[in-house]
């Protein structure tokens, strides 16, 4: 630990390329970990090496912009930068077919419509009835739209007028010590909306969201914990994320 602190001190004070390279080697495992987690939900057609390269660029940016004196943990800071870089690469590749994006938007439309009508998040059978499909077809649809539930933290928040259009999701969590009131407002609002939305999810959906996003288990590991197949966990996760995204967009656009 002391040697890493010395490397940070040397790099921030002198800009030493050698110290920077050593820091990159020290934290290279974060790139592998994040890329592996994201790649687990992607088709084999996506080149993992391209994602690794993007992740490395994110790590480089993190090292170059990190300010140790602010007291934040570098691993958390770097994780946001790396994930954002990898997801930006995925967006640039445009690897999700248009038909899949359309299905994802259709599901969000139905979730929003039924929630407005029912005053609560709809159950699966109600969604199936609205779509005019069977539960098996619905589950197949959820599996198909899984790639669209990967959300970049660099993604811009929906425009609410004035300067809010420049607020990114990452801005609401990256710098808790910042003094930008717009960022503080964005964080408080998004946190409140998501807290309420998660509270209204079905119990199994809540658990999958918690295990995947907070405990950082893989879908396969969650399947072992819940005694479910990995594909079933993927469906539950996709459904939960679509519901959360729908709620966030509803609230922010009103």
Protein backbone atom coordinates (compact mmCIF):
# COMPACT_ATOMS: atom_id res chain seq x y z
CA UNK A 1 0.00 0.00 0.00
CA UNK A 2 2.84 2.37 0.90
CA UNK A 3 4.51 1.75 -2.47
CA UNK A 4 1.28 2.60 -4.32
CA UNK A 5 0.96 5.83 -2.34
CA UNK A 6 4.54 6.64 -3.28
CA UNK A 7 3.75 6.02 -6.94
CA UNK A 8 0.79 8.38 -6.77
CA UNK A 9 2.91 10.99 -5.05
CA UNK A 10 5.65 10.68 -7.64
CA UNK A 11 3.23 10.80 -10.56
CA UNK A 12 1.18 13.77 -9.31
CA UNK A 13 4.29 15.75 -8.36
CA UNK A 14 6.54 15.01 -11.33
CA UNK A 15 4.34 13.48 -14.03
CA UNK A 16 6.77 10.56 -14.20
CA UNK A 17 5.92 8.23 -17.10
CA UNK A 18 7.51 5.33 -15.22
CA UNK A 19 5.29 5.95 -12.19
CA UNK A 20 2.25 6.20 -14.45
CA UNK A 21 3.08 2.90 -16.17
CA UNK A 22 3.50 1.20 -12.80
CA UNK A 23 0.13 2.55 -11.66
CA UNK A 24 -1.51 1.22 -14.82
CA UNK A 25 -0.04 -2.22 -14.12
CA UNK A 26 -1.16 -2.02 -10.49
CA UNK A 27 -4.79 -1.43 -11.50
CA UNK A 28 -4.96 -3.46 -14.72
CA UNK A 29 -7.03 -6.11 -12.94
CA UNK A 30 -9.95 -3.65 -12.73
CA UNK A 31 -10.12 -3.52 -16.53
CA UNK A 32 -10.21 -7.31 -16.77
CA UNK A 33 -12.87 -7.60 -14.07
CA UNK A 34 -15.23 -4.99 -15.52
CA UNK A 35 -14.78 -6.19 -19.10
CA UNK A 36 -15.46 -9.78 -18.06
CA UNK A 37 -18.68 -8.78 -16.29
CA UNK A 38 -19.94 -6.82 -19.28
CA UNK A 39 -18.87 -9.41 -21.84
CA UNK A 40 -20.83 -12.11 -19.99
CA UNK A 41 -24.04 -10.53 -21.31
CA UNK A 42 -22.83 -9.99 -24.87
CA UNK A 43 -23.01 -12.20 -27.97
CA UNK A 44 -19.84 -13.89 -29.21
CA UNK A 45 -19.81 -11.57 -32.23
CA UNK A 46 -18.52 -8.74 -30.02
CA UNK A 47 -14.71 -8.74 -29.99
CA UNK A 48 -13.56 -8.90 -26.36
CA UNK A 49 -10.16 -7.49 -27.29
CA UNK A 50 -11.83 -4.28 -28.52
CA UNK A 51 -13.56 -3.96 -25.17
CA UNK A 52 -10.31 -4.58 -23.29
CA UNK A 53 -8.59 -1.89 -25.36
CA UNK A 54 -11.38 0.56 -24.58
CA UNK A 55 -11.17 -0.36 -20.90
CA UNK A 56 -7.44 0.31 -20.86
CA UNK A 57 -8.07 3.75 -22.35
CA UNK A 58 -10.59 4.36 -19.57
CA UNK A 59 -8.00 3.33 -16.98
CA UNK A 60 -5.42 5.67 -18.51
CA UNK A 61 -7.91 8.54 -18.34
CA UNK A 62 -8.68 7.65 -14.74
CA UNK A 63 -5.02 7.71 -13.72
CA UNK A 64 -4.46 11.00 -15.54
CA UNK A 65 -7.43 12.76 -13.94
CA UNK A 66 -7.50 11.23 -10.44
CA UNK A 67 -6.79 13.55 -7.52
CA UNK A 68 -5.55 11.49 -4.54
CA UNK A 69 -5.66 14.45 -2.19
CA UNK A 70 -9.46 14.53 -2.40
CA UNK A 71 -9.62 11.32 -0.40
CA UNK A 72 -11.71 9.22 -2.80
CA UNK A 73 -10.98 5.58 -3.55
CA UNK A 74 -9.25 5.19 -6.91
CA UNK A 75 -10.82 1.80 -7.63
CA UNK A 76 -14.32 3.32 -7.55
CA UNK A 77 -13.30 6.33 -9.63
CA UNK A 78 -11.53 4.14 -12.18
CA UNK A 79 -14.44 1.72 -12.35
CA UNK A 80 -16.76 4.47 -13.59
CA UNK A 81 -14.25 5.61 -16.20
CA UNK A 82 -13.50 2.09 -17.44
CA UNK A 83 -17.13 1.03 -17.61
CA UNK A 84 -18.03 4.25 -19.41
CA UNK A 85 -15.22 3.73 -21.94
CA UNK A 86 -16.25 0.12 -22.65
CA UNK A 87 -19.91 1.03 -23.04
CA UNK A 88 -19.01 3.95 -25.30
CA UNK A 89 -17.12 1.45 -27.45
CA UNK A 90 -20.19 -0.80 -27.57
CA UNK A 91 -22.39 2.11 -28.65
CA UNK A 92 -19.89 3.02 -31.35
CA UNK A 93 -19.99 -0.56 -32.64
CA UNK A 94 -23.81 -0.35 -32.80
CA UNK A 95 -23.90 -4.09 -32.19
CA UNK A 96 -27.52 -4.32 -31.05
CA UNK A 97 -29.89 -4.96 -33.99
CA UNK A 98 -32.55 -2.31 -34.62
CA UNK A 99 -35.29 -4.90 -34.14
CA UNK A 100 -34.02 -5.64 -30.62
CA UNK A 101 -33.95 -1.94 -29.73
CA UNK A 102 -37.52 -1.64 -31.00
CA UNK A 103 -38.63 -4.51 -28.76
CA UNK A 104 -36.94 -2.87 -25.79
CA UNK A 105 -38.73 0.41 -26.48
CA UNK A 106 -42.03 -1.45 -26.90
CA UNK A 107 -41.60 -3.09 -23.50
CA UNK A 108 -40.85 0.26 -21.90
CA UNK A 109 -43.93 1.76 -23.58
CA UNK A 110 -46.13 -1.03 -22.22
CA UNK A 111 -44.65 -0.78 -18.72
CA UNK A 112 -45.30 2.97 -18.74
CA UNK A 113 -48.85 2.66 -20.13
CA UNK A 114 -49.91 -0.03 -17.66
CA UNK A 115 -48.33 1.70 -14.69
CA UNK A 116 -50.24 4.89 -15.51
CA UNK A 117 -53.47 2.91 -15.81
CA UNK A 118 -52.97 0.67 -12.78
CA UNK A 119 -51.14 3.06 -10.47
CA UNK A 120 -48.44 0.43 -9.86
CA UNK A 121 -45.80 -1.57 -11.70
CA UNK A 122 -47.64 -4.20 -13.80
CA UNK A 123 -47.38 -7.94 -13.26
CA UNK A 124 -46.06 -10.26 -15.95
CA UNK A 125 -49.48 -11.59 -16.95
CA UNK A 126 -50.76 -8.03 -17.41
CA UNK A 127 -47.83 -7.18 -19.67
CA UNK A 128 -48.42 -10.34 -21.69
CA UNK A 129 -52.09 -9.50 -22.12
CA UNK A 130 -51.27 -5.98 -23.30
CA UNK A 131 -48.69 -7.31 -25.77
CA UNK A 132 -50.94 -10.15 -26.87
CA UNK A 133 -48.28 -12.80 -26.30
CA UNK A 134 -47.78 -15.87 -24.08
CA UNK A 135 -45.56 -15.92 -20.99
CA UNK A 136 -43.02 -18.03 -22.91
CA UNK A 137 -42.91 -15.46 -25.70
CA UNK A 138 -42.56 -12.71 -23.10
CA UNK A 139 -39.62 -14.43 -21.42
CA UNK A 140 -38.00 -14.97 -24.81
CA UNK A 141 -38.44 -11.27 -25.51
CA UNK A 142 -36.77 -10.37 -22.21
CA UNK A 143 -33.81 -12.57 -23.07
CA UNK A 144 -33.52 -10.95 -26.49
CA UNK A 145 -33.46 -7.39 -25.13
CA UNK A 146 -30.85 -8.14 -22.45
CA UNK A 147 -28.11 -6.23 -24.33
CA UNK A 148 -30.18 -3.03 -24.29
CA UNK A 149 -30.29 -3.05 -20.49
CA UNK A 150 -26.59 -2.26 -20.32
CA UNK A 151 -26.64 1.45 -19.47
CA UNK A 152 -23.59 3.67 -19.85
CA UNK A 153 -22.84 5.93 -16.92
CA UNK A 154 -21.61 8.41 -19.48
CA UNK A 155 -25.08 8.59 -21.01
CA UNK A 156 -26.65 12.06 -20.90
CA UNK A 157 -29.62 12.58 -18.63
CA UNK A 158 -32.89 13.47 -20.41
CA UNK A 159 -33.14 17.20 -21.14
CA UNK A 160 -35.15 19.08 -18.55
CA UNK A 161 -34.37 22.50 -19.94
CA UNK A 162 -31.63 25.02 -19.22
CA UNK A 163 -28.28 23.44 -18.37
CA UNK A 164 -29.71 20.11 -17.22
CA UNK A 165 -29.18 18.64 -20.68
CA UNK A 166 -25.44 18.57 -19.96
CA UNK A 167 -25.85 16.45 -16.82
CA UNK A 168 -24.62 12.89 -17.22
CA UNK A 169 -25.59 10.00 -14.98
CA UNK A 170 -21.95 9.72 -13.90
CA UNK A 171 -22.06 13.35 -12.76
CA UNK A 172 -24.54 12.40 -10.05
CA UNK A 173 -22.20 9.93 -8.40
CA UNK A 174 -18.62 10.55 -9.48
CA UNK A 175 -17.71 13.46 -7.21
CA UNK A 176 -19.60 13.47 -3.89
CA UNK A 177 -17.33 16.24 -2.67
CA UNK A 178 -18.07 18.57 -5.55
CA UNK A 179 -19.83 21.90 -5.05
CA UNK A 180 -21.79 22.05 -8.32
CA UNK A 181 -25.45 22.51 -7.18
CA UNK A 182 -26.80 21.07 -10.44
CA UNK A 183 -24.89 17.85 -9.87
CA UNK A 184 -26.07 17.66 -6.27
CA UNK A 185 -29.67 18.18 -7.35
CA UNK A 186 -29.31 15.54 -10.07
CA UNK A 187 -27.92 12.99 -7.64
CA UNK A 188 -30.61 13.62 -5.03
CA UNK A 189 -33.39 13.41 -7.60
CA UNK A 190 -32.14 10.29 -9.37
CA UNK A 191 -31.44 8.57 -6.05
CA UNK A 192 -34.96 9.31 -4.81
CA UNK A 193 -36.59 8.13 -8.04
CA UNK A 194 -34.59 4.91 -8.20
CA UNK A 195 -35.13 4.21 -4.50
CA UNK A 196 -38.90 4.40 -4.96
CA UNK A 197 -38.77 2.40 -8.19
CA UNK A 198 -36.67 -0.39 -6.64
CA UNK A 199 -39.00 -0.53 -3.64
CA UNK A 200 -41.88 -1.30 -6.01
CA UNK A 201 -40.13 -4.12 -7.84
CA UNK A 202 -41.10 -7.71 -7.13
CA UNK A 203 -38.99 -9.33 -4.41
CA UNK A 204 -37.00 -11.53 -6.78
CA UNK A 205 -36.28 -8.54 -9.04
CA UNK A 206 -35.04 -6.53 -6.05
CA UNK A 207 -32.76 -9.37 -5.04
CA UNK A 208 -31.28 -9.80 -8.51
CA UNK A 209 -30.64 -6.05 -8.80
CA UNK A 210 -28.97 -6.01 -5.38
CA UNK A 211 -26.82 -9.07 -6.03
CA UNK A 212 -25.74 -7.94 -9.49
CA UNK A 213 -25.21 -4.21 -9.02
CA UNK A 214 -24.24 -3.99 -5.35
CA UNK A 215 -22.73 -7.36 -4.46
CA UNK A 216 -21.28 -7.62 -8.00
CA UNK A 217 -22.14 -11.27 -8.51
CA UNK A 218 -22.34 -12.56 -12.06
CA UNK A 219 -25.66 -13.76 -13.45
CA UNK A 220 -24.40 -17.32 -13.18
CA UNK A 221 -23.45 -16.85 -9.51
CA UNK A 222 -26.86 -15.31 -8.79
CA UNK A 223 -28.46 -18.33 -10.42
CA UNK A 224 -26.62 -20.62 -8.00
CA UNK A 225 -27.72 -18.51 -5.02
CA UNK A 226 -31.38 -18.42 -6.10
CA UNK A 227 -31.45 -21.93 -7.60
CA UNK A 228 -32.36 -20.53 -11.03
CA UNK A 229 -30.87 -20.95 -14.46
CA UNK A 230 -28.57 -18.20 -15.71
CA UNK A 231 -31.02 -17.43 -18.53
CA UNK A 232 -33.87 -17.00 -16.03
CA UNK A 233 -31.76 -14.62 -13.92
CA UNK A 234 -30.95 -12.70 -17.10
CA UNK A 235 -34.67 -12.35 -17.86
CA UNK A 236 -35.42 -11.10 -14.34
CA UNK A 237 -32.56 -8.62 -14.51
CA UNK A 238 -33.64 -7.32 -17.93
CA UNK A 239 -37.20 -6.85 -16.72
CA UNK A 240 -36.08 -5.02 -13.58
CA UNK A 241 -33.73 -2.67 -15.45
CA UNK A 242 -36.39 -1.86 -18.05
CA UNK A 243 -38.85 -1.04 -15.30
CA UNK A 244 -36.31 1.19 -13.53
CA UNK A 245 -35.39 2.94 -16.77
CA UNK A 246 -39.07 3.49 -17.57
CA UNK A 247 -39.70 5.00 -14.14
CA UNK A 248 -36.64 7.25 -14.38
CA UNK A 249 -37.64 8.57 -17.78
CA UNK A 250 -41.25 9.07 -16.66
CA UNK A 251 -40.26 11.14 -13.65
CA UNK A 252 -37.56 13.20 -15.35
CA UNK A 253 -39.72 14.06 -18.34
CA UNK A 254 -42.66 15.27 -16.22
